[in-house]
Structures are given as C-alpha cells and as structure tokens.
Amino acid sequence: MDKVTGELTVFFEDPFWVGVFECRDRGKLKVAKVTFGSEPKDGELYNFILENYNRLQFSHPVDDEKIQEKRINPKRIQRDIHRQLEKKSIGTKAQQALKEEQEQKKITRKDFNRQKTEEEKLQLFELRQEKKKRKHRGR
C-alpha cells in the first residue's frame, strides 16, 4: 500500500507571500506554487486548500530522492510547529537593518563587559599577591 503525502510551505518572497504545495506519491514528487497577496491566516489557507486544491497546476512528477521518513510523534510535530510560529521574522529591510545593528551593539557590549570583569579579577589578584609579599617581608 502506497502512501500519498502532501505538504504546504508558506513563506515571504518580497513583496508577496508564496505557498508551495508538495505532493509525494509512489516515490514521485509533484510541486505547485501559489502566490498570495497579504499574509494568509490559517483559516484562509484551510479554505483555499478545500476550494482550490483540485485546480492547482502541479509540475511533472520527478523522482523523489527524499529518504523514507520515520514516523514522528504527533506531539513532537506540534512542538516543532509552535517553535516555528514563535520565530517572528521582521518584515521590512529597515527593520532588519535595525535588528542587525542592535545585535552588533549587544555583542560589543558583552565583549566590553567581559573584558572589564577580567581586568577587575586580574587587579584583585595582583592586590592579593602584593598583600602576601608585604605580609612576609619581615621574615
């Protein structure tokens, strides 16, 4: 008995949201691409699949070189989906530039603070060593 699987991936391809449908059947892969305007909600995607799936223009079947997947626990799949949804991507290039600058400042601040604490530790160590020398000077 062969298993037919389908997968929909939605991503932002400037300036539109794009959906890629993949259909695997008997070791063959067929793909269809759909362009959405604004970001589609879950309900809109579900309705689109119900109403328009039969009208999709899939590509010619190609050999699916994907390794046979093991069955994944549904709870694990759910956790993975939630992790992917929590990763919010920033939309505009200006916002991405600001985020990148913020990350750079964060890295430099961490380096500065690390260097400062190392210098303080070294200074305290030298102070302790000097104290020891003064203490044993009279012997």
N, C-alpha and C. Protein backbone atom coordinates (compact mmCIF):
# COMPACT_ATOMS: atom_id res chain seq x y z
N MET A 1 0.85 -1.18 0.00
CA MET A 1 0.00 0.00 0.00
C MET A 1 0.90 1.25 0.00
N ASP A 2 0.71 2.09 -0.97
CA ASP A 2 1.49 3.33 -1.06
C ASP A 2 0.81 4.43 -0.29
N LYS A 3 1.64 5.33 0.20
CA LYS A 3 1.12 6.45 0.97
C LYS A 3 1.31 7.73 0.17
N VAL A 4 0.27 8.52 0.10
CA VAL A 4 0.33 9.81 -0.57
C VAL A 4 0.41 10.87 0.51
N THR A 5 1.43 11.73 0.42
CA THR A 5 1.58 12.79 1.42
C THR A 5 1.58 14.14 0.73
N GLY A 6 1.08 15.13 1.44
CA GLY A 6 1.06 16.49 0.93
C GLY A 6 1.62 17.43 1.97
N GLU A 7 2.26 18.48 1.49
CA GLU A 7 2.86 19.44 2.41
C GLU A 7 2.71 20.83 1.81
N LEU A 8 2.38 21.79 2.66
CA LEU A 8 2.26 23.19 2.23
C LEU A 8 3.24 24.02 3.03
N THR A 9 4.08 24.76 2.34
CA THR A 9 5.02 25.66 2.98
C THR A 9 4.69 27.08 2.53
N VAL A 10 4.46 27.97 3.50
CA VAL A 10 4.15 29.36 3.19
C VAL A 10 5.33 30.22 3.66
N PHE A 11 5.82 31.08 2.78
CA PHE A 11 6.93 31.95 3.13
C PHE A 11 6.79 33.29 2.42
N PHE A 12 7.57 34.26 2.90
CA PHE A 12 7.52 35.62 2.35
C PHE A 12 8.61 35.77 1.30
N GLU A 13 8.19 36.02 0.07
CA GLU A 13 9.13 36.28 -1.02
C GLU A 13 8.80 37.67 -1.52
N ASP A 14 9.65 38.61 -1.17
CA ASP A 14 9.38 40.03 -1.35
C ASP A 14 8.76 40.32 -2.71
N PRO A 15 7.65 40.93 -2.85
CA PRO A 15 6.78 41.59 -1.88
C PRO A 15 5.53 40.78 -1.52
N PHE A 16 5.47 39.49 -1.91
CA PHE A 16 4.25 38.70 -1.68
C PHE A 16 4.52 37.48 -0.81
N TRP A 17 3.45 36.91 -0.29
CA TRP A 17 3.51 35.64 0.42
C TRP A 17 3.26 34.54 -0.59
N VAL A 18 4.07 33.49 -0.52
CA VAL A 18 4.02 32.41 -1.50
C VAL A 18 3.77 31.09 -0.79
N GLY A 19 2.96 30.24 -1.39
CA GLY A 19 2.73 28.91 -0.86
C GLY A 19 3.23 27.87 -1.85
N VAL A 20 3.95 26.88 -1.36
CA VAL A 20 4.46 25.80 -2.20
C VAL A 20 3.82 24.50 -1.73
N PHE A 21 3.06 23.88 -2.62
CA PHE A 21 2.42 22.60 -2.34
C PHE A 21 3.32 21.49 -2.86
N GLU A 22 3.60 20.50 -2.02
CA GLU A 22 4.38 19.34 -2.44
C GLU A 22 3.50 18.11 -2.27
N CYS A 23 3.48 17.27 -3.28
CA CYS A 23 2.69 16.03 -3.22
C CYS A 23 3.61 14.87 -3.56
N ARG A 24 3.73 13.91 -2.64
CA ARG A 24 4.56 12.73 -2.84
C ARG A 24 3.65 11.51 -3.01
N ASP A 25 3.86 10.81 -4.13
CA ASP A 25 3.03 9.65 -4.42
C ASP A 25 3.88 8.62 -5.15
N ARG A 26 4.01 7.43 -4.59
CA ARG A 26 4.75 6.31 -5.19
C ARG A 26 6.17 6.71 -5.58
N GLY A 27 6.87 7.42 -4.71
CA GLY A 27 8.26 7.79 -4.98
C GLY A 27 8.41 8.93 -5.96
N LYS A 28 7.32 9.59 -6.31
CA LYS A 28 7.38 10.74 -7.23
C LYS A 28 6.97 12.00 -6.48
N LEU A 29 7.56 13.11 -6.87
CA LEU A 29 7.29 14.40 -6.25
C LEU A 29 6.70 15.35 -7.28
N LYS A 30 5.57 15.97 -6.93
CA LYS A 30 4.95 16.99 -7.78
C LYS A 30 4.85 18.26 -6.94
N VAL A 31 5.05 19.42 -7.58
CA VAL A 31 5.08 20.69 -6.87
C VAL A 31 4.20 21.70 -7.58
N ALA A 32 3.51 22.53 -6.76
CA ALA A 32 2.72 23.64 -7.31
C ALA A 32 3.01 24.87 -6.46
N LYS A 33 3.04 26.03 -7.11
CA LYS A 33 3.34 27.28 -6.43
C LYS A 33 2.14 28.20 -6.54
N VAL A 34 1.77 28.84 -5.41
CA VAL A 34 0.64 29.76 -5.37
C VAL A 34 1.12 31.06 -4.74
N THR A 35 0.76 32.19 -5.33
CA THR A 35 1.13 33.48 -4.77
C THR A 35 -0.08 34.08 -4.08
N PHE A 36 0.09 34.39 -2.81
CA PHE A 36 -0.95 35.06 -2.03
C PHE A 36 -0.59 36.54 -1.98
N GLY A 37 -1.54 37.39 -1.73
CA GLY A 37 -1.26 38.82 -1.61
C GLY A 37 -0.64 39.11 -0.25
N SER A 38 -1.50 39.33 0.72
CA SER A 38 -1.02 39.60 2.07
C SER A 38 -0.85 38.27 2.80
N GLU A 39 -0.34 38.34 4.02
CA GLU A 39 -0.08 37.11 4.77
C GLU A 39 -1.39 36.37 5.04
N PRO A 40 -1.48 35.12 4.58
CA PRO A 40 -2.73 34.38 4.78
C PRO A 40 -2.85 33.84 6.20
N LYS A 41 -4.04 33.89 6.73
CA LYS A 41 -4.31 33.33 8.06
C LYS A 41 -4.55 31.83 7.91
N ASP A 42 -4.53 31.12 9.04
CA ASP A 42 -4.71 29.66 9.00
C ASP A 42 -6.06 29.28 8.38
N GLY A 43 -7.09 29.98 8.76
CA GLY A 43 -8.42 29.69 8.22
C GLY A 43 -8.50 29.92 6.73
N GLU A 44 -7.85 31.00 6.27
CA GLU A 44 -7.85 31.30 4.83
C GLU A 44 -7.11 30.21 4.06
N LEU A 45 -5.99 29.72 4.64
CA LEU A 45 -5.26 28.64 3.98
C LEU A 45 -6.11 27.38 3.89
N TYR A 46 -6.79 27.07 4.98
CA TYR A 46 -7.64 25.88 5.01
C TYR A 46 -8.73 25.98 3.94
N ASN A 47 -9.40 27.13 3.88
CA ASN A 47 -10.44 27.34 2.86
C ASN A 47 -9.87 27.26 1.45
N PHE A 48 -8.67 27.82 1.25
CA PHE A 48 -8.04 27.78 -0.07
C PHE A 48 -7.78 26.34 -0.49
N ILE A 49 -7.27 25.53 0.45
CA ILE A 49 -6.99 24.13 0.14
C ILE A 49 -8.28 23.40 -0.23
N LEU A 50 -9.35 23.63 0.58
CA LEU A 50 -10.61 22.95 0.32
C LEU A 50 -11.21 23.33 -1.04
N GLU A 51 -11.12 24.61 -1.39
CA GLU A 51 -11.79 25.09 -2.59
C GLU A 51 -10.94 24.96 -3.86
N ASN A 52 -9.61 25.12 -3.74
CA ASN A 52 -8.78 25.25 -4.95
C ASN A 52 -7.76 24.14 -5.17
N TYR A 53 -7.70 23.16 -4.29
CA TYR A 53 -6.65 22.14 -4.43
C TYR A 53 -6.74 21.40 -5.76
N ASN A 54 -7.96 21.08 -6.20
CA ASN A 54 -8.12 20.34 -7.46
C ASN A 54 -7.72 21.17 -8.68
N ARG A 55 -7.70 22.48 -8.55
CA ARG A 55 -7.36 23.35 -9.68
C ARG A 55 -5.87 23.68 -9.76
N LEU A 56 -5.10 23.24 -8.78
CA LEU A 56 -3.67 23.56 -8.78
C LEU A 56 -2.96 22.90 -9.95
N GLN A 57 -2.02 23.62 -10.54
CA GLN A 57 -1.23 23.11 -11.66
C GLN A 57 0.08 22.56 -11.12
N PHE A 58 0.12 21.24 -10.89
CA PHE A 58 1.33 20.62 -10.37
C PHE A 58 2.33 20.40 -11.50
N SER A 59 3.62 20.39 -11.15
CA SER A 59 4.67 20.14 -12.13
C SER A 59 4.67 18.68 -12.53
N HIS A 60 5.46 18.36 -13.53
CA HIS A 60 5.60 16.96 -13.94
C HIS A 60 6.25 16.19 -12.79
N PRO A 61 5.84 14.95 -12.59
CA PRO A 61 6.42 14.17 -11.49
C PRO A 61 7.91 13.90 -11.71
N VAL A 62 8.68 14.11 -10.65
CA VAL A 62 10.11 13.80 -10.68
C VAL A 62 10.38 12.78 -9.59
N ASP A 63 11.48 12.04 -9.73
CA ASP A 63 11.83 11.06 -8.71
C ASP A 63 12.09 11.76 -7.40
N ASP A 64 11.48 11.24 -6.35
CA ASP A 64 11.65 11.81 -5.02
C ASP A 64 12.85 11.14 -4.38
N GLU A 65 13.92 11.89 -4.22
CA GLU A 65 15.15 11.35 -3.65
C GLU A 65 15.15 11.44 -2.13
N LYS A 66 14.04 11.87 -1.58
CA LYS A 66 13.95 12.02 -0.14
C LYS A 66 13.98 10.64 0.52
N ILE A 67 14.76 10.53 1.58
CA ILE A 67 14.87 9.27 2.30
C ILE A 67 13.55 8.99 3.00
N GLN A 68 13.18 7.73 3.04
CA GLN A 68 11.94 7.35 3.70
C GLN A 68 11.96 7.85 5.15
N GLU A 69 10.99 8.66 5.50
CA GLU A 69 10.95 9.26 6.83
C GLU A 69 10.38 8.28 7.84
N LYS A 70 10.95 8.35 9.05
CA LYS A 70 10.37 7.57 10.12
C LYS A 70 9.11 8.29 10.61
N ARG A 71 8.22 7.54 11.21
CA ARG A 71 7.01 8.14 11.75
C ARG A 71 7.40 9.00 12.95
N ILE A 72 6.96 10.25 12.95
CA ILE A 72 7.30 11.19 14.01
C ILE A 72 6.11 11.32 14.94
N ASN A 73 6.41 11.37 16.22
CA ASN A 73 5.38 11.51 17.24
C ASN A 73 4.58 12.79 16.99
N PRO A 74 3.26 12.73 17.01
CA PRO A 74 2.44 13.93 16.75
C PRO A 74 2.71 15.06 17.74
N LYS A 75 3.02 14.73 18.99
CA LYS A 75 3.33 15.78 19.96
C LYS A 75 4.62 16.51 19.57
N ARG A 76 5.60 15.76 19.07
CA ARG A 76 6.85 16.38 18.63
C ARG A 76 6.59 17.31 17.45
N ILE A 77 5.76 16.87 16.52
CA ILE A 77 5.41 17.71 15.37
C ILE A 77 4.75 19.00 15.85
N GLN A 78 3.84 18.87 16.81
CA GLN A 78 3.15 20.04 17.35
C GLN A 78 4.14 21.01 17.98
N ARG A 79 5.10 20.47 18.77
CA ARG A 79 6.12 21.34 19.40
C ARG A 79 6.95 22.04 18.33
N ASP A 80 7.33 21.32 17.28
CA ASP A 80 8.12 21.93 16.20
C ASP A 80 7.34 23.05 15.52
N ILE A 81 6.05 22.82 15.30
CA ILE A 81 5.21 23.85 14.67
C ILE A 81 5.15 25.09 15.55
N HIS A 82 4.96 24.89 16.87
CA HIS A 82 4.89 26.04 17.77
C HIS A 82 6.22 26.80 17.80
N ARG A 83 7.35 26.06 17.77
CA ARG A 83 8.66 26.72 17.74
C ARG A 83 8.81 27.57 16.49
N GLN A 84 8.38 27.04 15.35
CA GLN A 84 8.49 27.79 14.10
C GLN A 84 7.59 29.02 14.10
N LEU A 85 6.41 28.90 14.71
CA LEU A 85 5.50 30.04 14.76
C LEU A 85 6.01 31.13 15.69
N GLU A 86 6.75 30.74 16.75
CA GLU A 86 7.27 31.72 17.69
C GLU A 86 8.39 32.55 17.09
N LYS A 87 9.08 32.00 16.10
CA LYS A 87 10.16 32.74 15.45
C LYS A 87 9.54 33.79 14.55
N LYS A 88 9.45 34.99 15.04
CA LYS A 88 8.86 36.09 14.26
C LYS A 88 9.95 36.69 13.38
N SER A 89 9.70 36.75 12.10
CA SER A 89 10.65 37.40 11.21
C SER A 89 10.20 38.84 11.02
N ILE A 90 11.17 39.72 11.00
CA ILE A 90 10.88 41.14 10.85
C ILE A 90 10.70 41.45 9.38
N GLY A 91 9.67 42.24 9.06
CA GLY A 91 9.25 42.42 7.68
C GLY A 91 10.15 43.27 6.81
N THR A 92 10.33 44.54 7.14
CA THR A 92 10.99 45.45 6.19
C THR A 92 12.50 45.40 6.32
N LYS A 93 13.16 45.84 5.27
CA LYS A 93 14.63 45.85 5.27
C LYS A 93 15.16 46.81 6.31
N ALA A 94 14.46 47.91 6.52
CA ALA A 94 14.90 48.89 7.52
C ALA A 94 14.85 48.26 8.92
N GLN A 95 13.78 47.52 9.19
CA GLN A 95 13.67 46.86 10.49
C GLN A 95 14.75 45.79 10.64
N GLN A 96 15.05 45.08 9.56
CA GLN A 96 16.10 44.07 9.62
C GLN A 96 17.46 44.72 9.90
N ALA A 97 17.71 45.87 9.27
CA ALA A 97 18.96 46.58 9.49
C ALA A 97 19.07 47.04 10.94
N LEU A 98 17.95 47.55 11.49
CA LEU A 98 17.95 47.97 12.90
C LEU A 98 18.22 46.79 13.82
N LYS A 99 17.61 45.65 13.53
CA LYS A 99 17.80 44.47 14.35
C LYS A 99 19.25 44.00 14.29
N GLU A 100 19.83 44.03 13.11
CA GLU A 100 21.23 43.63 12.96
C GLU A 100 22.15 44.56 13.73
N GLU A 101 21.88 45.88 13.66
CA GLU A 101 22.68 46.85 14.40
C GLU A 101 22.55 46.61 15.91
N GLN A 102 21.35 46.31 16.36
CA GLN A 102 21.11 46.02 17.78
C GLN A 102 21.91 44.80 18.22
N GLU A 103 21.94 43.77 17.37
CA GLU A 103 22.70 42.55 17.69
C GLU A 103 24.19 42.86 17.78
N GLN A 104 24.70 43.70 16.86
CA GLN A 104 26.11 44.07 16.89
C GLN A 104 26.45 44.82 18.17
N LYS A 105 25.58 45.76 18.56
CA LYS A 105 25.81 46.51 19.80
C LYS A 105 25.80 45.58 21.00
N LYS A 106 24.90 44.60 20.97
CA LYS A 106 24.81 43.63 22.06
C LYS A 106 26.11 42.83 22.17
N ILE A 107 26.66 42.42 21.05
CA ILE A 107 27.90 41.64 21.05
C ILE A 107 29.06 42.48 21.57
N THR A 108 29.16 43.74 21.10
CA THR A 108 30.26 44.60 21.56
C THR A 108 30.12 44.90 23.05
N ARG A 109 28.88 45.09 23.52
CA ARG A 109 28.65 45.36 24.94
C ARG A 109 29.07 44.14 25.78
N LYS A 110 28.73 42.96 25.32
CA LYS A 110 29.13 41.75 26.04
C LYS A 110 30.64 41.61 26.09
N ASP A 111 31.31 41.87 24.96
CA ASP A 111 32.77 41.80 24.92
C ASP A 111 33.39 42.81 25.89
N PHE A 112 32.86 44.02 25.89
CA PHE A 112 33.38 45.06 26.77
C PHE A 112 33.21 44.66 28.23
N ASN A 113 32.02 44.18 28.59
CA ASN A 113 31.77 43.78 29.98
C ASN A 113 32.64 42.60 30.39
N ARG A 114 32.83 41.65 29.50
CA ARG A 114 33.69 40.51 29.79
C ARG A 114 35.12 40.96 30.04
N GLN A 115 35.60 41.85 29.18
CA GLN A 115 36.97 42.37 29.32
C GLN A 115 37.11 43.14 30.63
N LYS A 116 36.10 43.92 30.97
CA LYS A 116 36.13 44.71 32.20
C LYS A 116 36.20 43.80 33.42
N THR A 117 35.39 42.74 33.46
CA THR A 117 35.41 41.84 34.61
C THR A 117 36.74 41.09 34.70
N GLU A 118 37.32 40.72 33.56
CA GLU A 118 38.63 40.06 33.58
C GLU A 118 39.69 41.00 34.15
N GLU A 119 39.65 42.27 33.76
CA GLU A 119 40.62 43.25 34.28
C GLU A 119 40.44 43.42 35.79
N GLU A 120 39.19 43.46 36.25
CA GLU A 120 38.94 43.60 37.68
C GLU A 120 39.45 42.39 38.44
N LYS A 121 39.24 41.19 37.91
CA LYS A 121 39.75 39.97 38.55
C LYS A 121 41.27 39.99 38.61
N LEU A 122 41.91 40.40 37.52
CA LEU A 122 43.37 40.48 37.48
C LEU A 122 43.88 41.49 38.50
N GLN A 123 43.20 42.63 38.59
CA GLN A 123 43.60 43.66 39.54
C GLN A 123 43.47 43.16 40.98
N LEU A 124 42.38 42.47 41.31
CA LEU A 124 42.21 41.90 42.65
C LEU A 124 43.26 40.84 42.94
N PHE A 125 43.61 40.04 41.94
CA PHE A 125 44.63 39.02 42.11
C PHE A 125 45.98 39.67 42.43
N GLU A 126 46.33 40.70 41.66
CA GLU A 126 47.60 41.40 41.89
C GLU A 126 47.62 42.05 43.27
N LEU A 127 46.49 42.60 43.69
CA LEU A 127 46.39 43.20 45.01
C LEU A 127 46.63 42.16 46.10
N ARG A 128 46.04 40.98 45.96
CA ARG A 128 46.24 39.90 46.93
C ARG A 128 47.70 39.46 46.96
N GLN A 129 48.32 39.35 45.79
CA GLN A 129 49.73 38.94 45.73
C GLN A 129 50.62 39.97 46.43
N GLU A 130 50.33 41.25 46.19
CA GLU A 130 51.12 42.32 46.82
C GLU A 130 50.96 42.28 48.34
N LYS A 131 49.72 42.03 48.80
CA LYS A 131 49.45 41.92 50.23
C LYS A 131 50.26 40.78 50.83
N LYS A 132 50.33 39.65 50.15
CA LYS A 132 51.09 38.50 50.63
C LYS A 132 52.56 38.86 50.76
N LYS A 133 53.10 39.58 49.76
CA LYS A 133 54.51 39.96 49.79
C LYS A 133 54.81 40.88 50.96
N ARG A 134 53.91 41.84 51.21
CA ARG A 134 54.11 42.77 52.34
C ARG A 134 54.06 42.03 53.67
N LYS A 135 53.18 41.04 53.74
CA LYS A 135 52.99 40.29 54.97
C LYS A 135 54.25 39.48 55.31
N HIS A 136 54.93 38.94 54.31
CA HIS A 136 56.08 38.08 54.53
C HIS A 136 57.41 38.83 54.39
N ARG A 137 57.39 40.12 54.27
CA ARG A 137 58.60 40.91 54.06
C ARG A 137 59.51 40.87 55.28
N GLY A 138 58.94 40.83 56.45
CA GLY A 138 59.74 40.91 57.68
C GLY A 138 60.47 39.62 58.04
N ARG A 139 60.27 38.53 57.41
CA ARG A 139 60.92 37.26 57.78
C ARG A 139 62.35 37.25 57.47
